[in-house]
Amino acid sequence: MTSTNSTVAPEVSPTVSHQLVQAIRERVATVVVGQDKVVERLLIALFTGGHLLLQGMPGLAKTLLVNAIARAIDLKFARVQFTIDLLPSDIVGSEILDQRTSEFRIHRGPIFTNLLLADEINRAAPKVQSALLEAMQERRVTIGNTTFSLPAPFVVIATQNPIEQSGTFDLPEAQLDRFMLCHRLDYPDAKEEDEILRRQLELGLHRSEKGAVPQSAFDLLRQSPVATITELVGAMEAVQKVFVSDVFRKHCVELVRRTRRHKAIDVGGSPRAGIALTLAARARAFIHQRDYVVPEDLYALAEDVLLHRTRLTYEALAGGVKGATVLREIMAEVG
């Protein structure tokens, strides 16, 4: 993936790239308490150009996290709040008849950006969710009879409330497979939750003209970015140089293939799952300041890469079997 500039970005040293990771982490930590693993997954998505699905109950700072990452890096950012009445043209854009010239002109939608936040993606109808398929896979969209390339880099970070919540639609398998990672957020521990409350009590008021409103964590996002797009591209290039051994690659292949053969799994991972696993492992190794991948990268990312790509059999679901349990069993066999 290359920069939007026509000139070649200057070489960025590994030390500078690792300082970039630390600077982004520190900036996000000023807004969000804890959630270090989620920040790591966000960075993996940015460094690999992969798409990320964040799943969790309301109130876990999913939207705030994405906003904090977007504001920390000097990228074009757009947010779409998915609702039941949203149309595909509200995301992609449309042809509009110009009354003065009697000709159609193209109105580009919010998808023409570097980082797109698809907020509560499972609250929109399936036809709207499908509007993202071409963009997520091919980095282009079609409006009318014309195809447009999207800016580079282009990353979709979607948030999703659990499927059992009212007013939601299950994402189709074709779209789920487009997400490199699906990370499930947990509740903060007691110490982190106490820190969240302490910070909120210290925010005070935001005054505007003669009035004022209580501040929220989103008001802390007004700081200038700590990273440029050139530095981000430099980090992406460094990730491409991370060494993946033949043994690691074969372990990834075996792990994915076993998901197709397990008796409790009806639909296993596709070859795209293996690609996602190796690319994400590269980025994780880079974030941990290594120039090679290790088995720890495989085990740390396997659930986020594979669980949303597999479907258990009806018999397994009826027996109360969990996908995570089956995957850990497979990983133990491969390891």
C-alpha atoms as a PDB file:
ATOM      1  CA  MET A   1       0.000   0.000   0.000  1.00  0.00           C
ATOM      2  CA  THR A   2       1.379   3.387  -0.961  1.00  0.00           C
ATOM      3  CA  SER A   3       0.927   6.991   0.011  1.00  0.00           C
ATOM      4  CA  THR A   4      -1.452   9.239  -1.876  1.00  0.00           C
ATOM      5  CA  ASN A   5       1.539  11.398  -2.862  1.00  0.00           C
ATOM      6  CA  SER A   6       3.186  10.699  -6.209  1.00  0.00           C
ATOM      7  CA  THR A   7       6.671  10.939  -4.726  1.00  0.00           C
ATOM      8  CA  VAL A   8       8.256   8.060  -2.850  1.00  0.00           C
ATOM      9  CA  ALA A   9       8.139   8.464   0.920  1.00  0.00           C
ATOM     10  CA  PRO A  10      11.572   8.727   2.574  1.00  0.00           C
ATOM     11  CA  GLU A  11      12.958   5.715   4.398  1.00  0.00           C
ATOM     12  CA  VAL A  12      11.864   5.612   8.035  1.00  0.00           C
ATOM     13  CA  SER A  13      14.147   3.782  10.462  1.00  0.00           C
ATOM     14  CA  PRO A  14      12.770   1.000  12.715  1.00  0.00           C
ATOM     15  CA  THR A  15      13.590   3.129  15.760  1.00  0.00           C
ATOM     16  CA  VAL A  16      11.453   6.001  14.469  1.00  0.00           C
ATOM     17  CA  SER A  17       8.638   3.595  13.586  1.00  0.00           C
ATOM     18  CA  HIS A  18       8.673   2.083  17.078  1.00  0.00           C
ATOM     19  CA  GLN A  19       8.634   5.584  18.545  1.00  0.00           C
ATOM     20  CA  LEU A  20       5.537   6.168  16.421  1.00  0.00           C
ATOM     21  CA  VAL A  21       3.829   3.166  18.018  1.00  0.00           C
ATOM     22  CA  GLN A  22       4.679   4.435  21.499  1.00  0.00           C
ATOM     23  CA  ALA A  23       3.521   7.969  20.703  1.00  0.00           C
ATOM     24  CA  ILE A  24       0.145   6.701  19.433  1.00  0.00           C
ATOM     25  CA  ARG A  25      -0.292   4.456  22.476  1.00  0.00           C
ATOM     26  CA  GLU A  26       0.466   7.335  24.842  1.00  0.00           C
ATOM     27  CA  ARG A  27      -1.921   9.688  23.049  1.00  0.00           C
ATOM     28  CA  VAL A  28      -4.771   7.144  23.151  1.00  0.00           C
ATOM     29  CA  ALA A  29      -4.061   6.492  26.851  1.00  0.00           C
ATOM     30  CA  THR A  30      -4.809  10.153  27.612  1.00  0.00           C
ATOM     31  CA  VAL A  31      -8.369   9.571  26.387  1.00  0.00           C
ATOM     32  CA  VAL A  32      -9.128   5.885  26.997  1.00  0.00           C
ATOM     33  CA  VAL A  33      -8.314   3.936  30.161  1.00  0.00           C
ATOM     34  CA  GLY A  34      -6.855   0.457  29.610  1.00  0.00           C
ATOM     35  CA  GLN A  35      -7.905  -1.485  26.475  1.00  0.00           C
ATOM     36  CA  ASP A  36      -4.235  -1.991  25.491  1.00  0.00           C
ATOM     37  CA  LYS A  37      -5.087  -5.102  23.489  1.00  0.00           C
ATOM     38  CA  VAL A  38      -7.707  -3.200  21.485  1.00  0.00           C
ATOM     39  CA  VAL A  39      -5.200  -0.444  20.702  1.00  0.00           C
ATOM     40  CA  GLU A  40      -2.794  -3.128  19.472  1.00  0.00           C
ATOM     41  CA  ARG A  41      -5.476  -4.533  17.151  1.00  0.00           C
ATOM     42  CA  LEU A  42      -6.218  -1.042  15.822  1.00  0.00           C
ATOM     43  CA  LEU A  43      -2.529  -0.536  15.056  1.00  0.00           C
ATOM     44  CA  ILE A  44      -2.352  -3.939  13.340  1.00  0.00           C
ATOM     45  CA  ALA A  45      -5.234  -2.899  11.085  1.00  0.00           C
ATOM     46  CA  LEU A  46      -3.547   0.401  10.208  1.00  0.00           C
ATOM     47  CA  PHE A  47      -0.109  -1.140   9.578  1.00  0.00           C
ATOM     48  CA  THR A  48      -1.469  -3.904   7.317  1.00  0.00           C
ATOM     49  CA  GLY A  49      -4.336  -2.078   5.609  1.00  0.00           C
ATOM     50  CA  GLY A  50      -6.699  -4.709   7.012  1.00  0.00           C
ATOM     51  CA  HIS A  51     -10.191  -4.033   8.302  1.00  0.00           C
ATOM     52  CA  LEU A  52     -11.207  -4.432  11.938  1.00  0.00           C
ATOM     53  CA  LEU A  53     -14.524  -5.292  13.589  1.00  0.00           C
ATOM     54  CA  LEU A  54     -14.901  -4.332  17.257  1.00  0.00           C
ATOM     55  CA  GLN A  55     -17.636  -6.216  19.077  1.00  0.00           C
ATOM     56  CA  GLY A  56     -18.850  -5.439  22.559  1.00  0.00           C
ATOM     57  CA  MET A  57     -21.638  -4.200  24.766  1.00  0.00           C
ATOM     58  CA  PRO A  58     -22.611  -0.500  24.644  1.00  0.00           C
ATOM     59  CA  GLY A  59     -20.505   1.802  26.805  1.00  0.00           C
ATOM     60  CA  LEU A  60     -17.111   0.101  26.342  1.00  0.00           C
ATOM     61  CA  ALA A  61     -15.570   3.073  24.474  1.00  0.00           C
ATOM     62  CA  LYS A  62     -15.477   1.394  21.043  1.00  0.00           C
ATOM     63  CA  THR A  63     -16.298   4.606  19.182  1.00  0.00           C
ATOM     64  CA  LEU A  64     -14.050   6.680  21.443  1.00  0.00           C
ATOM     65  CA  LEU A  65     -11.104   4.358  20.769  1.00  0.00           C
ATOM     66  CA  VAL A  66     -11.423   4.656  17.007  1.00  0.00           C
ATOM     67  CA  ASN A  67     -11.801   8.429  17.242  1.00  0.00           C
ATOM     68  CA  ALA A  68      -8.687   8.624  19.432  1.00  0.00           C
ATOM     69  CA  ILE A  69      -6.626   6.622  16.917  1.00  0.00           C
ATOM     70  CA  ALA A  70      -7.923   8.700  14.027  1.00  0.00           C
ATOM     71  CA  ARG A  71      -7.048  11.962  15.765  1.00  0.00           C
ATOM     72  CA  ALA A  72      -3.582  10.693  16.731  1.00  0.00           C
ATOM     73  CA  ILE A  73      -2.602  10.216  13.071  1.00  0.00           C
ATOM     74  CA  ASP A  74      -2.951  12.891  10.402  1.00  0.00           C
ATOM     75  CA  LEU A  75      -5.369  10.904   8.222  1.00  0.00           C
ATOM     76  CA  LYS A  76      -8.637  11.784   6.540  1.00  0.00           C
ATOM     77  CA  PHE A  77     -11.342  10.443   8.839  1.00  0.00           C
ATOM     78  CA  ALA A  78     -15.073   9.920   8.366  1.00  0.00           C
ATOM     79  CA  ARG A  79     -17.737   8.416  10.571  1.00  0.00           C
ATOM     80  CA  VAL A  80     -21.018   6.871   9.465  1.00  0.00           C
ATOM     81  CA  GLN A  81     -23.649   6.081  12.083  1.00  0.00           C
ATOM     82  CA  PHE A  82     -25.416   2.988  10.756  1.00  0.00           C
ATOM     83  CA  THR A  83     -29.191   3.030  11.242  1.00  0.00           C
ATOM     84  CA  ILE A  84     -32.137   1.053   9.882  1.00  0.00           C
ATOM     85  CA  ASP A  85     -33.052   3.788   7.361  1.00  0.00           C
ATOM     86  CA  LEU A  86     -29.524   4.224   5.964  1.00  0.00           C
ATOM     87  CA  LEU A  87     -29.153   3.785   2.181  1.00  0.00           C
ATOM     88  CA  PRO A  88     -26.102   2.510   0.250  1.00  0.00           C
ATOM     89  CA  SER A  89     -25.820   5.902  -1.456  1.00  0.00           C
ATOM     90  CA  ASP A  90     -25.418   7.519   1.974  1.00  0.00           C
ATOM     91  CA  ILE A  91     -22.068   5.717   2.238  1.00  0.00           C
ATOM     92  CA  VAL A  92     -20.780   5.337  -1.310  1.00  0.00           C
ATOM     93  CA  GLY A  93     -22.304   8.390  -2.979  1.00  0.00           C
ATOM     94  CA  SER A  94     -24.657   8.873  -5.913  1.00  0.00           C
ATOM     95  CA  GLU A  95     -25.308  10.530  -9.239  1.00  0.00           C
ATOM     96  CA  ILE A  96     -27.178  13.834  -8.888  1.00  0.00           C
ATOM     97  CA  LEU A  97     -28.954  15.637 -11.699  1.00  0.00           C
ATOM     98  CA  ASP A  98     -27.700  19.196 -12.037  1.00  0.00           C
ATOM     99  CA  GLN A  99     -30.801  21.274 -12.842  1.00  0.00           C
ATOM    100  CA  ARG A 100     -28.749  24.034 -14.463  1.00  0.00           C
ATOM    101  CA  THR A 101     -26.876  21.850 -16.958  1.00  0.00           C
ATOM    102  CA  SER A 102     -29.311  18.900 -17.140  1.00  0.00           C
ATOM    103  CA  GLU A 103     -26.319  16.620 -16.617  1.00  0.00           C
ATOM    104  CA  PHE A 104     -25.542  14.122 -13.913  1.00  0.00           C
ATOM    105  CA  ARG A 105     -22.665  14.834 -11.555  1.00  0.00           C
ATOM    106  CA  ILE A 106     -21.051  12.559  -8.991  1.00  0.00           C
ATOM    107  CA  HIS A 107     -21.558  13.201  -5.299  1.00  0.00           C
ATOM    108  CA  ARG A 108     -18.911  11.269  -3.368  1.00  0.00           C
ATOM    109  CA  GLY A 109     -19.960   9.740  -0.072  1.00  0.00           C
ATOM    110  CA  PRO A 110     -18.025   9.560   3.219  1.00  0.00           C
ATOM    111  CA  ILE A 111     -16.331   6.334   2.087  1.00  0.00           C
ATOM    112  CA  PHE A 112     -13.763   8.463   0.236  1.00  0.00           C
ATOM    113  CA  THR A 113     -11.451   8.733   3.206  1.00  0.00           C
ATOM    114  CA  ASN A 114      -8.435   7.025   4.790  1.00  0.00           C
ATOM    115  CA  LEU A 115     -10.114   5.756   7.935  1.00  0.00           C
ATOM    116  CA  LEU A 116     -13.839   5.006   7.908  1.00  0.00           C
ATOM    117  CA  LEU A 117     -15.628   4.362  11.192  1.00  0.00           C
ATOM    118  CA  ALA A 118     -18.730   2.278  10.537  1.00  0.00           C
ATOM    119  CA  ASP A 119     -20.439   2.804  13.879  1.00  0.00           C
ATOM    120  CA  GLU A 120     -22.875   0.065  14.982  1.00  0.00           C
ATOM    121  CA  ILE A 121     -22.653  -1.575  11.570  1.00  0.00           C
ATOM    122  CA  ASN A 122     -25.133  -4.318  12.455  1.00  0.00           C
ATOM    123  CA  ARG A 123     -27.973  -1.797  12.906  1.00  0.00           C
ATOM    124  CA  ALA A 124     -28.214  -1.224   9.135  1.00  0.00           C
ATOM    125  CA  ALA A 125     -30.064  -3.464   6.711  1.00  0.00           C
ATOM    126  CA  PRO A 126     -28.052  -6.138   4.846  1.00  0.00           C
ATOM    127  CA  LYS A 127     -28.165  -4.235   1.524  1.00  0.00           C
ATOM    128  CA  VAL A 128     -26.367  -1.329   3.205  1.00  0.00           C
ATOM    129  CA  GLN A 129     -23.767  -3.591   4.793  1.00  0.00           C
ATOM    130  CA  SER A 130     -23.165  -5.152   1.368  1.00  0.00           C
ATOM    131  CA  ALA A 131     -22.391  -1.709  -0.067  1.00  0.00           C
ATOM    132  CA  LEU A 132     -19.022  -1.960   1.695  1.00  0.00           C
ATOM    133  CA  LEU A 133     -18.011  -5.264   0.084  1.00  0.00           C
ATOM    134  CA  GLU A 134     -16.354  -3.877  -3.059  1.00  0.00           C
ATOM    135  CA  ALA A 135     -14.669  -1.084  -1.108  1.00  0.00           C
ATOM    136  CA  MET A 136     -13.244  -3.392   1.564  1.00  0.00           C
ATOM    137  CA  GLN A 137     -11.859  -5.944  -0.882  1.00  0.00           C
ATOM    138  CA  GLU A 138     -10.851  -3.932  -3.960  1.00  0.00           C
ATOM    139  CA  ARG A 139     -10.375  -0.441  -2.487  1.00  0.00           C
ATOM    140  CA  ARG A 140     -12.729   1.032  -5.058  1.00  0.00           C
ATOM    141  CA  VAL A 141     -16.420   1.823  -5.461  1.00  0.00           C
ATOM    142  CA  THR A 142     -18.796   2.054  -8.393  1.00  0.00           C
ATOM    143  CA  ILE A 143     -21.223   4.947  -8.693  1.00  0.00           C
ATOM    144  CA  GLY A 144     -23.497   4.669 -11.711  1.00  0.00           C
ATOM    145  CA  ASN A 145     -21.293   3.433 -14.534  1.00  0.00           C
ATOM    146  CA  THR A 146     -18.074   4.881 -13.166  1.00  0.00           C
ATOM    147  CA  THR A 147     -15.558   3.168 -10.875  1.00  0.00           C
ATOM    148  CA  PHE A 148     -13.496   5.270  -8.473  1.00  0.00           C
ATOM    149  CA  SER A 149     -10.379   4.278  -6.553  1.00  0.00           C
ATOM    150  CA  LEU A 150     -10.409   5.022  -2.835  1.00  0.00           C
ATOM    151  CA  PRO A 151      -7.644   6.977  -1.079  1.00  0.00           C
ATOM    152  CA  ALA A 152      -4.627   5.050   0.181  1.00  0.00           C
ATOM    153  CA  PRO A 153      -4.434   3.899   2.861  1.00  0.00           C
ATOM    154  CA  PHE A 154      -8.091   2.894   3.249  1.00  0.00           C
ATOM    155  CA  VAL A 155      -9.197   1.052   6.389  1.00  0.00           C
ATOM    156  CA  VAL A 156     -12.685   0.279   7.705  1.00  0.00           C
ATOM    157  CA  ILE A 157     -13.056  -0.011  11.455  1.00  0.00           C
ATOM    158  CA  ALA A 158     -16.550  -1.104  12.372  1.00  0.00           C
ATOM    159  CA  THR A 159     -18.199  -1.368  15.767  1.00  0.00           C
ATOM    160  CA  GLN A 160     -20.932  -3.844  16.535  1.00  0.00           C
ATOM    161  CA  ASN A 161     -23.184  -4.551  19.467  1.00  0.00           C
ATOM    162  CA  PRO A 162     -23.875  -8.217  20.231  1.00  0.00           C
ATOM    163  CA  ILE A 163     -26.270  -9.901  17.812  1.00  0.00           C
ATOM    164  CA  GLU A 164     -28.787 -10.700  20.545  1.00  0.00           C
ATOM    165  CA  GLN A 165     -29.436  -6.989  21.107  1.00  0.00           C
ATOM    166  CA  SER A 166     -32.724  -5.725  19.647  1.00  0.00           C
ATOM    167  CA  GLY A 167     -32.757  -3.893  16.331  1.00  0.00           C
ATOM    168  CA  THR A 168     -29.653  -5.538  14.856  1.00  0.00           C
ATOM    169  CA  PHE A 169     -28.921  -7.638  11.746  1.00  0.00           C
ATOM    170  CA  ASP A 170     -26.408 -10.448  11.515  1.00  0.00           C
ATOM    171  CA  LEU A 171     -23.538  -9.550   9.182  1.00  0.00           C
ATOM    172  CA  PRO A 172     -23.405 -11.778   6.070  1.00  0.00           C
ATOM    173  CA  GLU A 173     -20.539 -14.263   5.872  1.00  0.00           C
ATOM    174  CA  ALA A 174     -19.092 -12.575   2.778  1.00  0.00           C
ATOM    175  CA  GLN A 175     -18.690  -9.325   4.668  1.00  0.00           C
ATOM    176  CA  LEU A 176     -17.403 -10.914   7.872  1.00  0.00           C
ATOM    177  CA  ASP A 177     -14.650 -12.563   5.823  1.00  0.00           C
ATOM    178  CA  ARG A 178     -13.534  -9.101   4.628  1.00  0.00           C
ATOM    179  CA  PHE A 179     -12.569  -8.164   8.180  1.00  0.00           C
ATOM    180  CA  MET A 180      -9.008  -9.172   8.964  1.00  0.00           C
ATOM    181  CA  LEU A 181      -9.747  -9.163  12.687  1.00  0.00           C
ATOM    182  CA  CYS A 182     -12.833  -9.292  14.889  1.00  0.00           C
ATOM    183  CA  HIS A 183     -11.941  -8.316  18.438  1.00  0.00           C
ATOM    184  CA  ARG A 184     -14.327  -8.767  21.358  1.00  0.00           C
ATOM    185  CA  LEU A 185     -14.044  -6.156  24.077  1.00  0.00           C
ATOM    186  CA  ASP A 186     -14.285  -7.048  27.770  1.00  0.00           C
ATOM    187  CA  TYR A 187     -15.408  -4.882  30.662  1.00  0.00           C
ATOM    188  CA  PRO A 188     -12.583  -2.994  32.411  1.00  0.00           C
ATOM    189  CA  ASP A 189     -11.339  -4.305  35.746  1.00  0.00           C
ATOM    190  CA  ALA A 190     -12.230  -2.538  39.003  1.00  0.00           C
ATOM    191  CA  LYS A 191      -9.091  -0.382  39.060  1.00  0.00           C
ATOM    192  CA  GLU A 192      -9.574   0.777  35.462  1.00  0.00           C
ATOM    193  CA  GLU A 193     -13.259   1.504  36.025  1.00  0.00           C
ATOM    194  CA  ASP A 194     -12.412   3.599  39.073  1.00  0.00           C
ATOM    195  CA  GLU A 195      -9.900   5.558  36.962  1.00  0.00           C
ATOM    196  CA  ILE A 196     -12.593   6.137  34.318  1.00  0.00           C
ATOM    197  CA  LEU A 197     -14.877   7.660  36.948  1.00  0.00           C
ATOM    198  CA  ARG A 198     -12.062   9.776  38.382  1.00  0.00           C
ATOM    199  CA  ARG A 199     -11.224  11.234  34.984  1.00  0.00           C
ATOM    200  CA  GLN A 200     -14.862  11.982  34.241  1.00  0.00           C
ATOM    201  CA  LEU A 201     -15.264  13.887  37.517  1.00  0.00           C
ATOM    202  CA  GLU A 202     -12.297  16.102  36.602  1.00  0.00           C
ATOM    203  CA  LEU A 203     -13.455  17.065  33.098  1.00  0.00           C
ATOM    204  CA  GLY A 204     -15.488  20.098  34.129  1.00  0.00           C
ATOM    205  CA  LEU A 205     -17.497  22.278  31.720  1.00  0.00           C
ATOM    206  CA  HIS A 206     -17.002  23.284  28.114  1.00  0.00           C
ATOM    207  CA  ARG A 207     -18.039  26.918  27.758  1.00  0.00           C
ATOM    208  CA  SER A 208     -19.438  28.264  24.500  1.00  0.00           C
ATOM    209  CA  GLU A 209     -20.412  31.947  24.283  1.00  0.00           C
ATOM    210  CA  LYS A 210     -22.763  32.470  27.237  1.00  0.00           C
ATOM    211  CA  GLY A 211     -23.613  28.808  27.762  1.00  0.00           C
ATOM    212  CA  ALA A 212     -21.798  25.660  28.853  1.00  0.00           C
ATOM    213  CA  VAL A 213     -22.116  21.873  28.675  1.00  0.00           C
ATOM    214  CA  PRO A 214     -20.433  19.168  30.758  1.00  0.00           C
ATOM    215  CA  GLN A 215     -17.355  17.814  28.966  1.00  0.00           C
ATOM    216  CA  SER A 216     -16.953  14.176  27.938  1.00  0.00           C
ATOM    217  CA  ALA A 217     -13.923  12.149  26.902  1.00  0.00           C
ATOM    218  CA  PHE A 218     -14.592  13.164  23.281  1.00  0.00           C
ATOM    219  CA  ASP A 219     -13.643  16.743  24.215  1.00  0.00           C
ATOM    220  CA  LEU A 220     -10.088  15.499  24.839  1.00  0.00           C
ATOM    221  CA  LEU A 221      -9.669  14.651  21.145  1.00  0.00           C
ATOM    222  CA  ARG A 222      -8.851  18.191  20.053  1.00  0.00           C
ATOM    223  CA  GLN A 223      -5.077  17.805  20.347  1.00  0.00           C
ATOM    224  CA  SER A 224      -2.890  17.908  17.233  1.00  0.00           C
ATOM    225  CA  PRO A 225      -1.814  14.555  15.686  1.00  0.00           C
ATOM    226  CA  VAL A 226       1.362  12.852  16.896  1.00  0.00           C
ATOM    227  CA  ALA A 227       2.029  11.072  13.584  1.00  0.00           C
ATOM    228  CA  THR A 228       1.933  11.954   9.889  1.00  0.00           C
ATOM    229  CA  ILE A 229       0.820   9.814   6.970  1.00  0.00           C
ATOM    230  CA  THR A 230       4.484   9.587   5.865  1.00  0.00           C
ATOM    231  CA  GLU A 231       5.426   8.065   9.221  1.00  0.00           C
ATOM    232  CA  LEU A 232       2.490   5.668   8.988  1.00  0.00           C
ATOM    233  CA  VAL A 233       3.613   4.545   5.513  1.00  0.00           C
ATOM    234  CA  GLY A 234       7.133   4.081   6.907  1.00  0.00           C
ATOM    235  CA  ALA A 235       5.757   1.793   9.605  1.00  0.00           C
ATOM    236  CA  MET A 236       3.769  -0.122   6.996  1.00  0.00           C
ATOM    237  CA  GLU A 237       6.956  -0.647   4.974  1.00  0.00           C
ATOM    238  CA  ALA A 238       8.780  -1.864   8.094  1.00  0.00           C
ATOM    239  CA  VAL A 239       6.004  -4.390   8.739  1.00  0.00           C
ATOM    240  CA  GLN A 240       6.490  -5.763   5.208  1.00  0.00           C
ATOM    241  CA  LYS A 241      10.100  -6.595   6.105  1.00  0.00           C
ATOM    242  CA  VAL A 242       9.230  -8.690   9.185  1.00  0.00           C
ATOM    243  CA  PHE A 243      10.460 -12.255   8.581  1.00  0.00           C
ATOM    244  CA  VAL A 244       7.945 -15.116   8.444  1.00  0.00           C
ATOM    245  CA  SER A 245       9.576 -18.559   8.559  1.00  0.00           C
ATOM    246  CA  ASP A 246       8.461 -21.554   6.510  1.00  0.00           C
ATOM    247  CA  VAL A 247       7.557 -23.362   9.741  1.00  0.00           C
ATOM    248  CA  PHE A 248       5.324 -20.510  10.910  1.00  0.00           C
ATOM    249  CA  ARG A 249       3.629 -20.331   7.525  1.00  0.00           C
ATOM    250  CA  LYS A 250       2.948 -24.089   7.529  1.00  0.00           C
ATOM    251  CA  HIS A 251       1.515 -23.867  11.046  1.00  0.00           C
ATOM    252  CA  CYS A 252      -0.905 -21.185   9.816  1.00  0.00           C
ATOM    253  CA  VAL A 253      -1.962 -23.376   6.892  1.00  0.00           C
ATOM    254  CA  GLU A 254      -2.470 -26.395   9.145  1.00  0.00           C
ATOM    255  CA  LEU A 255      -4.460 -24.397  11.701  1.00  0.00           C
ATOM    256  CA  VAL A 256      -6.839 -23.022   9.067  1.00  0.00           C
ATOM    257  CA  ARG A 257      -7.256 -26.401   7.339  1.00  0.00           C
ATOM    258  CA  ARG A 258      -8.106 -28.113  10.623  1.00  0.00           C
ATOM    259  CA  THR A 259     -11.008 -25.701  11.129  1.00  0.00           C
ATOM    260  CA  ARG A 260     -12.540 -27.199   7.984  1.00  0.00           C
ATOM    261  CA  ARG A 261     -12.144 -30.774   9.189  1.00  0.00           C
ATOM    262  CA  HIS A 262     -13.266 -30.493  12.820  1.00  0.00           C
ATOM    263  CA  LYS A 263     -16.500 -32.366  13.518  1.00  0.00           C
ATOM    264  CA  ALA A 264     -17.988 -29.464  15.497  1.00  0.00           C
ATOM    265  CA  ILE A 265     -17.394 -26.888  12.739  1.00  0.00           C
ATOM    266  CA  ASP A 266     -19.748 -26.629   9.777  1.00  0.00           C
ATOM    267  CA  VAL A 267     -17.888 -23.843   7.924  1.00  0.00           C
ATOM    268  CA  GLY A 268     -14.146 -23.399   8.429  1.00  0.00           C
ATOM    269  CA  GLY A 269     -11.680 -20.681   7.528  1.00  0.00           C
ATOM    270  CA  SER A 270     -10.920 -19.811   3.904  1.00  0.00           C
ATOM    271  CA  PRO A 271      -7.439 -19.179   2.476  1.00  0.00           C
ATOM    272  CA  ARG A 272      -8.097 -15.517   3.242  1.00  0.00           C
ATOM    273  CA  ALA A 273      -7.996 -16.478   6.929  1.00  0.00           C
ATOM    274  CA  GLY A 274      -4.438 -17.777   6.540  1.00  0.00           C
ATOM    275  CA  ILE A 275      -3.416 -14.600   4.729  1.00  0.00           C
ATOM    276  CA  ALA A 276      -4.927 -12.484   7.495  1.00  0.00           C
ATOM    277  CA  LEU A 277      -3.191 -14.543  10.179  1.00  0.00           C
ATOM    278  CA  THR A 278       0.287 -14.167   8.681  1.00  0.00           C
ATOM    279  CA  LEU A 279      -0.098 -10.452   7.876  1.00  0.00           C
ATOM    280  CA  ALA A 280      -1.478  -9.673  11.325  1.00  0.00           C
ATOM    281  CA  ALA A 281       1.326 -11.691  12.944  1.00  0.00           C
ATOM    282  CA  ARG A 282       3.866  -9.572  11.072  1.00  0.00           C
ATOM    283  CA  ALA A 283       2.318  -6.372  12.385  1.00  0.00           C
ATOM    284  CA  ARG A 284       2.118  -7.706  15.947  1.00  0.00           C
ATOM    285  CA  ALA A 285       5.785  -8.699  15.830  1.00  0.00           C
ATOM    286  CA  PHE A 286       6.680  -5.181  14.660  1.00  0.00           C
ATOM    287  CA  ILE A 287       4.608  -3.582  17.439  1.00  0.00           C
ATOM    288  CA  HIS A 288       6.510  -5.738  19.937  1.00  0.00           C
ATOM    289  CA  GLN A 289       9.789  -4.551  18.386  1.00  0.00           C
ATOM    290  CA  ARG A 290      10.728  -7.814  16.678  1.00  0.00           C
ATOM    291  CA  ASP A 291      11.749  -8.279  13.045  1.00  0.00           C
ATOM    292  CA  TYR A 292      10.464 -11.867  12.982  1.00  0.00           C
ATOM    293  CA  VAL A 293       7.257 -13.631  13.991  1.00  0.00           C
ATOM    294  CA  VAL A 294       7.033 -16.178  16.810  1.00  0.00           C
ATOM    295  CA  PRO A 295       4.390 -18.764  17.803  1.00  0.00           C
ATOM    296  CA  GLU A 296       3.091 -16.318  20.426  1.00  0.00           C
ATOM    297  CA  ASP A 297       1.870 -14.097  17.573  1.00  0.00           C
ATOM    298  CA  LEU A 298      -0.094 -16.982  16.110  1.00  0.00           C
ATOM    299  CA  TYR A 299      -1.756 -17.935  19.387  1.00  0.00           C
ATOM    300  CA  ALA A 300      -2.483 -14.317  20.362  1.00  0.00           C
ATOM    301  CA  LEU A 301      -4.270 -13.540  17.093  1.00  0.00           C
ATOM    302  CA  ALA A 302      -5.933 -16.851  16.197  1.00  0.00           C
ATOM    303  CA  GLU A 303      -9.273 -16.129  17.879  1.00  0.00           C
ATOM    304  CA  ASP A 304      -9.568 -12.622  16.408  1.00  0.00           C
ATOM    305  CA  VAL A 305      -8.743 -13.922  12.918  1.00  0.00           C
ATOM    306  CA  LEU A 306     -10.666 -17.202  12.865  1.00  0.00           C
ATOM    307  CA  LEU A 307     -13.702 -17.138  15.151  1.00  0.00           C
ATOM    308  CA  HIS A 308     -15.796 -14.800  12.986  1.00  0.00           C
ATOM    309  CA  ARG A 309     -14.926 -16.898   9.919  1.00  0.00           C
ATOM    310  CA  THR A 310     -16.149 -20.223  11.319  1.00  0.00           C
ATOM    311  CA  ARG A 311     -19.636 -21.581  11.978  1.00  0.00           C
ATOM    312  CA  LEU A 312     -20.395 -24.405  14.374  1.00  0.00           C
ATOM    313  CA  THR A 313     -22.731 -27.262  13.445  1.00  0.00           C
ATOM    314  CA  TYR A 314     -26.299 -27.244  14.734  1.00  0.00           C
ATOM    315  CA  GLU A 315     -25.467 -30.236  16.930  1.00  0.00           C
ATOM    316  CA  ALA A 316     -22.534 -28.393  18.521  1.00  0.00           C
ATOM    317  CA  LEU A 317     -24.619 -25.276  19.139  1.00  0.00           C
ATOM    318  CA  ALA A 318     -27.412 -27.360  20.657  1.00  0.00           C
ATOM    319  CA  GLY A 319     -24.861 -28.995  22.942  1.00  0.00           C
ATOM    320  CA  GLY A 320     -23.643 -25.633  24.215  1.00  0.00           C
ATOM    321  CA  VAL A 321     -20.247 -25.873  22.523  1.00  0.00           C
ATOM    322  CA  LYS A 322     -18.392 -22.563  22.177  1.00  0.00           C
ATOM    323  CA  GLY A 323     -16.366 -21.626  19.114  1.00  0.00           C
ATOM    324  CA  ALA A 324     -13.475 -20.398  21.238  1.00  0.00           C
ATOM    325  CA  THR A 325     -13.272 -23.752  23.015  1.00  0.00           C
ATOM    326  CA  VAL A 326     -13.139 -25.643  19.708  1.00  0.00           C
ATOM    327  CA  LEU A 327     -10.449 -23.312  18.346  1.00  0.00           C
ATOM    328  CA  ARG A 328      -8.274 -23.705  21.442  1.00  0.00           C
ATOM    329  CA  GLU A 329      -8.579 -27.462  21.057  1.00  0.00           C
ATOM    330  CA  ILE A 330      -7.387 -27.208  17.444  1.00  0.00           C
ATOM    331  CA  MET A 331      -4.513 -24.893  18.395  1.00  0.00           C
ATOM    332  CA  ALA A 332      -3.377 -27.393  21.043  1.00  0.00           C
ATOM    333  CA  GLU A 333      -3.260 -30.112  18.382  1.00  0.00           C
ATOM    334  CA  VAL A 334      -1.284 -27.930  15.966  1.00  0.00           C
ATOM    335  CA  GLY A 335       1.110 -26.734  18.670  1.00  0.00           C
END
